[in-house]
Amino acid sequence: MSALDSIRTLAAELSLFETGVCAFDTEKRPLLSCRAASRLPDGARSVIVVLFPYAFADDRPRNLSRYACVPDYHTAAGAVLKGFAQSLCERFENERFEPFMDNSPLPEVACATAAGLGVRGDHGLLISDRYGSFVFIGCIVTTMSLPASEQARECLHCGACAEACAGGCLPSAQRDTCVSALTQKKGELTNAQTEAIRAGGLLWGCDACQEACPMNRGKEIAPHPCFTWYDPWLSQTSLDDLTDKAYGWRGKAVLRRNIELF
């Protein structure tokens, strides 16, 4: 069994069924300014990329973006990724494996596309052939030299995501009008910002561009086992306990304000 086959076998044991590899190439994929960059191993040569699908087949009404309906992925998926890296260290004792998720110096979508796990949509998100765009991306930087995966096809560039964007921020991706960003914004909102959130229909986040994307149709719905519950509704009662909630970091004031908008 090759090293790459062994890595994919270990990944599958952790229910990580979409695994790819790209080169650690800072010229093609420049690093982001991030304190976590200090953890990058000297002599890094490859990046192992894995996907954590999070969408549930649940038709209950929701007022949260899909990613916020499951346990905070920084904790849930992060623990799985850390365990995967530890298993790799034990299997390949002479190499280093450093896990990164979200708080990462790596441009995650660029790494995932280079690792053949999907395409970058015009909305800026990864679109996996298997799971669509409802995935979290985990990366492990290693000193191992591994063969890069084949890259996938391109986005359709159909314009559906831009047409569906309530904030009108696509295709330029202006953060100041993104509805998801507005739901996280502190302080008072302008009338235009308030109406944009109401038009989006969610108290936290926004899935409009993803829901409209034709490349998300007919994809596999198989949330990773680390997402042990699904809670699609944010209410005043929810504010009593924000433990392990993806939106909990922002605090009660912003969440209460958003609840009162509807």
Protein backbone atom coordinates (compact mmCIF):
# COMPACT_ATOMS: atom_id res chain seq x y z
CA MET A 1 0.00 0.00 0.00
CA SER A 2 1.35 3.42 -0.96
CA ALA A 3 1.68 6.21 1.59
CA LEU A 4 -1.23 8.04 -0.03
CA ASP A 5 -3.43 4.94 0.08
CA SER A 6 -2.53 4.50 3.73
CA ILE A 7 -3.48 8.12 4.45
CA ARG A 8 -6.83 7.72 2.71
CA THR A 9 -7.51 4.51 4.64
CA LEU A 10 -6.86 6.30 7.93
CA ALA A 11 -9.11 9.15 6.78
CA ALA A 12 -11.94 6.77 5.88
CA GLU A 13 -11.74 5.23 9.36
CA LEU A 14 -12.63 8.70 10.63
CA SER A 15 -15.49 9.01 8.10
CA LEU A 16 -13.43 11.47 6.04
CA PHE A 17 -14.33 10.16 2.62
CA GLU A 18 -13.18 13.12 0.54
CA THR A 19 -9.40 13.43 0.88
CA GLY A 20 -6.96 15.05 -1.53
CA VAL A 21 -3.42 16.37 -1.66
CA CYS A 22 -1.80 19.48 -3.08
CA ALA A 23 1.74 20.79 -2.89
CA PHE A 24 2.67 23.24 -0.17
CA ASP A 25 3.35 25.98 -2.68
CA THR A 26 3.39 29.50 -1.26
CA GLU A 27 4.00 31.04 -4.67
CA LYS A 28 0.85 29.58 -6.23
CA ARG A 29 -1.14 29.81 -2.99
CA PRO A 30 0.32 32.61 -0.83
CA LEU A 31 -0.11 32.20 2.91
CA LEU A 32 -2.55 34.37 4.81
CA SER A 33 -1.50 36.59 7.68
CA CYS A 34 -2.37 34.50 10.71
CA ARG A 35 -0.87 33.82 14.14
CA ALA A 36 -1.32 30.10 13.52
CA ALA A 37 1.36 30.35 10.82
CA SER A 38 3.90 29.84 13.59
CA ARG A 39 2.77 26.19 13.72
CA LEU A 40 3.76 25.46 10.13
CA PRO A 41 6.42 22.74 10.14
CA ASP A 42 9.84 23.50 8.73
CA GLY A 43 10.36 21.73 5.43
CA ALA A 44 6.62 21.54 4.63
CA ARG A 45 6.08 19.87 1.27
CA SER A 46 2.44 18.80 0.98
CA VAL A 47 -1.04 19.67 2.22
CA ILE A 48 -3.57 16.93 2.97
CA VAL A 49 -7.09 18.34 2.54
CA VAL A 50 -10.28 16.74 3.88
CA LEU A 51 -13.93 17.74 3.73
CA PHE A 52 -16.48 17.67 6.55
CA PRO A 53 -20.03 17.68 5.08
CA TYR A 54 -22.54 19.25 7.45
CA ALA A 55 -25.91 19.48 5.67
CA PHE A 56 -28.79 17.52 7.22
CA ALA A 57 -31.86 16.25 5.37
CA ASP A 58 -34.26 18.07 7.66
CA ASP A 59 -37.23 20.06 6.40
CA ARG A 60 -38.07 21.80 9.68
CA PRO A 61 -38.29 25.60 9.45
CA ARG A 62 -34.97 27.26 10.21
CA ASN A 63 -33.78 30.78 10.84
CA LEU A 64 -30.07 29.91 10.86
CA SER A 65 -27.58 29.29 8.09
CA ARG A 66 -27.07 25.54 7.68
CA TYR A 67 -23.56 25.62 9.11
CA ALA A 68 -24.90 27.17 12.33
CA CYS A 69 -27.49 24.40 12.85
CA VAL A 70 -24.79 21.92 13.87
CA PRO A 71 -22.17 21.95 16.67
CA ASP A 72 -19.43 24.53 16.26
CA TYR A 73 -17.13 23.01 13.67
CA HIS A 74 -14.03 24.58 15.20
CA THR A 75 -14.53 22.22 18.14
CA ALA A 76 -16.32 19.24 16.57
CA ALA A 77 -14.50 18.90 13.26
CA GLY A 78 -11.31 20.37 14.72
CA ALA A 79 -11.06 17.50 17.19
CA VAL A 80 -11.42 14.93 14.40
CA LEU A 81 -8.78 16.69 12.30
CA LYS A 82 -6.38 16.81 15.24
CA GLY A 83 -6.93 13.09 15.84
CA PHE A 84 -6.27 12.38 12.17
CA ALA A 85 -2.99 14.31 12.32
CA GLN A 86 -1.98 12.39 15.44
CA SER A 87 -2.69 9.06 13.72
CA LEU A 88 -0.55 10.16 10.78
CA CYS A 89 2.30 11.07 13.14
CA GLU A 90 2.11 7.58 14.63
CA ARG A 91 2.03 5.91 11.20
CA PHE A 92 4.83 8.00 9.70
CA GLU A 93 7.12 8.63 12.66
CA ASN A 94 9.78 10.56 10.75
CA GLU A 95 7.37 13.15 9.34
CA ARG A 96 5.43 16.06 10.81
CA PHE A 97 1.70 16.67 10.42
CA GLU A 98 0.14 19.94 11.57
CA PRO A 99 -3.68 20.41 11.41
CA PHE A 100 -5.39 23.70 10.53
CA MET A 101 -9.07 24.55 10.36
CA ASP A 102 -10.48 28.05 9.70
CA ASN A 103 -7.89 29.77 11.91
CA SER A 104 -5.33 28.94 9.27
CA PRO A 105 -2.58 30.56 7.22
CA LEU A 106 -3.67 28.41 4.28
CA PRO A 107 -6.14 29.64 1.66
CA GLU A 108 -8.43 26.70 2.27
CA VAL A 109 -10.62 26.88 -0.84
CA ALA A 110 -7.55 27.23 -3.07
CA CYS A 111 -5.93 24.23 -1.40
CA ALA A 112 -9.10 22.15 -1.74
CA THR A 113 -9.47 22.94 -5.44
CA ALA A 114 -5.78 22.21 -6.04
CA ALA A 115 -6.29 18.90 -4.20
CA GLY A 116 -9.05 17.94 -6.64
CA LEU A 117 -11.87 18.11 -4.09
CA GLY A 118 -14.07 20.53 -6.02
CA VAL A 119 -14.24 23.89 -7.74
CA ARG A 120 -14.34 27.46 -6.48
CA GLY A 121 -17.78 28.88 -7.22
CA ASP A 122 -18.39 32.49 -8.15
CA HIS A 123 -19.64 32.93 -4.57
CA GLY A 124 -16.11 32.13 -3.37
CA LEU A 125 -16.98 28.78 -1.76
CA LEU A 126 -15.75 25.31 -2.57
CA ILE A 127 -18.27 23.16 -4.46
CA SER A 128 -17.56 19.47 -3.94
CA ASP A 129 -18.71 17.01 -6.60
CA ARG A 130 -19.95 14.74 -3.81
CA TYR A 131 -21.40 17.10 -1.19
CA GLY A 132 -21.83 20.44 -2.94
CA SER A 133 -20.77 23.56 -1.06
CA PHE A 134 -22.12 22.56 2.35
CA VAL A 135 -18.72 21.42 3.65
CA PHE A 136 -16.04 22.57 6.05
CA ILE A 137 -12.45 22.27 4.92
CA GLY A 138 -9.65 20.87 7.06
CA CYS A 139 -5.97 20.99 6.08
CA ILE A 140 -2.94 19.13 7.42
CA VAL A 141 0.46 20.48 6.42
CA THR A 142 3.11 17.78 6.27
CA THR A 143 6.79 17.35 5.57
CA MET A 144 5.95 14.29 3.44
CA SER A 145 6.23 14.56 -0.31
CA LEU A 146 2.93 13.24 -1.69
CA PRO A 147 1.58 13.14 -5.24
CA ALA A 148 -0.91 15.92 -5.94
CA SER A 149 -4.49 14.97 -6.80
CA GLU A 150 -6.11 15.80 -10.14
CA GLN A 151 -8.02 19.06 -10.26
CA ALA A 152 -11.76 19.14 -10.88
CA ARG A 153 -13.88 20.92 -13.48
CA GLU A 154 -14.82 24.62 -13.31
CA CYS A 155 -17.76 26.54 -11.90
CA LEU A 156 -20.63 26.96 -14.37
CA HIS A 157 -20.45 30.77 -14.06
CA CYS A 158 -24.22 30.81 -14.56
CA GLY A 159 -24.89 33.87 -12.39
CA ALA A 160 -27.46 32.14 -10.18
CA CYS A 161 -25.58 32.97 -6.97
CA ALA A 162 -25.30 36.67 -7.85
CA GLU A 163 -28.98 36.87 -8.73
CA ALA A 164 -29.97 35.30 -5.40
CA CYS A 165 -27.71 37.50 -3.25
CA ALA A 166 -29.91 39.74 -1.09
CA GLY A 167 -26.96 41.99 -0.32
CA GLY A 168 -26.03 42.44 -3.97
CA CYS A 169 -22.39 41.70 -3.13
CA LEU A 170 -21.69 39.18 -5.88
CA PRO A 171 -19.70 38.71 -8.02
CA SER A 172 -17.43 41.36 -6.47
CA ALA A 173 -17.85 39.81 -2.98
CA GLN A 174 -17.98 43.15 -1.15
CA ARG A 175 -17.99 42.15 2.49
CA ASP A 176 -19.80 45.28 3.68
CA THR A 177 -23.04 44.28 1.95
CA CYS A 178 -22.87 40.50 2.53
CA VAL A 179 -25.97 39.51 4.49
CA SER A 180 -24.06 36.87 6.43
CA ALA A 181 -21.56 39.54 7.53
CA LEU A 182 -24.38 41.92 8.44
CA THR A 183 -25.94 39.36 10.79
CA GLN A 184 -22.60 39.28 12.62
CA LYS A 185 -22.08 43.06 12.67
CA LYS A 186 -21.99 44.72 16.07
CA GLY A 187 -23.98 47.82 16.99
CA GLU A 188 -26.89 49.47 15.25
CA LEU A 189 -27.74 48.69 11.65
CA THR A 190 -28.84 51.10 8.96
CA ASN A 191 -32.31 50.74 7.49
CA ALA A 192 -30.78 49.25 4.34
CA GLN A 193 -28.81 46.70 6.35
CA THR A 194 -31.87 45.77 8.37
CA GLU A 195 -33.92 45.23 5.23
CA ALA A 196 -31.15 43.14 3.67
CA ILE A 197 -31.18 40.80 6.68
CA ARG A 198 -34.97 40.57 6.58
CA ALA A 199 -34.85 39.83 2.86
CA GLY A 200 -32.34 37.05 3.55
CA GLY A 201 -34.78 35.51 6.02
CA LEU A 202 -32.19 34.21 8.51
CA LEU A 203 -31.16 35.53 11.90
CA TRP A 204 -27.59 34.34 11.44
CA GLY A 205 -25.68 33.76 8.23
CA CYS A 206 -27.05 33.42 4.72
CA ASP A 207 -27.36 30.43 2.37
CA ALA A 208 -29.00 32.20 -0.57
CA CYS A 209 -26.10 31.86 -2.98
CA GLN A 210 -25.61 28.20 -2.09
CA GLU A 211 -29.30 27.33 -2.29
CA ALA A 212 -29.49 28.90 -5.76
CA CYS A 213 -26.40 27.14 -7.13
CA PRO A 214 -27.32 24.44 -9.67
CA MET A 215 -24.09 22.61 -8.83
CA ASN A 216 -25.55 21.90 -5.37
CA ARG A 217 -28.45 19.90 -6.81
CA GLY A 218 -28.57 16.16 -6.28
CA LYS A 219 -25.59 16.01 -3.94
CA GLU A 220 -25.10 13.46 -1.18
CA ILE A 221 -26.59 14.44 2.18
CA ALA A 222 -24.35 12.73 4.73
CA PRO A 223 -23.26 14.94 7.64
CA HIS A 224 -20.04 13.89 9.31
CA PRO A 225 -20.63 11.93 12.54
CA CYS A 226 -18.94 14.66 14.59
CA PHE A 227 -22.06 16.77 14.04
CA THR A 228 -24.12 15.00 16.67
CA TRP A 229 -27.15 17.30 16.73
CA TYR A 230 -29.12 19.64 14.49
CA ASP A 231 -30.88 22.71 15.89
CA PRO A 232 -32.30 24.95 13.15
CA TRP A 233 -34.04 27.59 15.27
CA LEU A 234 -32.63 30.53 17.21
CA SER A 235 -34.95 32.10 19.81
CA GLN A 236 -34.67 34.17 22.95
CA THR A 237 -34.56 30.91 24.91
CA SER A 238 -31.52 29.83 22.91
CA LEU A 239 -29.55 32.69 24.44
CA ASP A 240 -29.63 30.95 27.82
CA ASP A 241 -26.96 28.52 26.65
CA LEU A 242 -24.66 29.31 23.72
CA THR A 243 -22.24 26.48 24.46
CA ASP A 244 -20.93 24.75 21.32
CA LYS A 245 -22.99 27.00 19.02
CA ALA A 246 -21.28 28.32 15.90
CA TYR A 247 -22.79 31.75 16.55
CA GLY A 248 -22.06 31.83 20.27
CA TRP A 249 -18.76 33.69 19.89
CA ARG A 250 -20.52 36.90 18.86
CA GLY A 251 -22.41 37.21 22.14
CA LYS A 252 -26.01 37.74 23.17
CA ALA A 253 -26.41 41.41 22.23
CA VAL A 254 -26.06 40.91 18.47
CA LEU A 255 -28.16 37.75 18.53
CA ARG A 256 -30.92 39.44 20.52
CA ARG A 257 -30.91 42.37 18.09
CA ASN A 258 -31.28 40.01 15.13
CA ILE A 259 -34.12 38.12 16.78
CA GLU A 260 -35.95 41.40 17.31
CA LEU A 261 -35.68 42.27 13.60
CA PHE A 262 -38.32 39.69 12.68
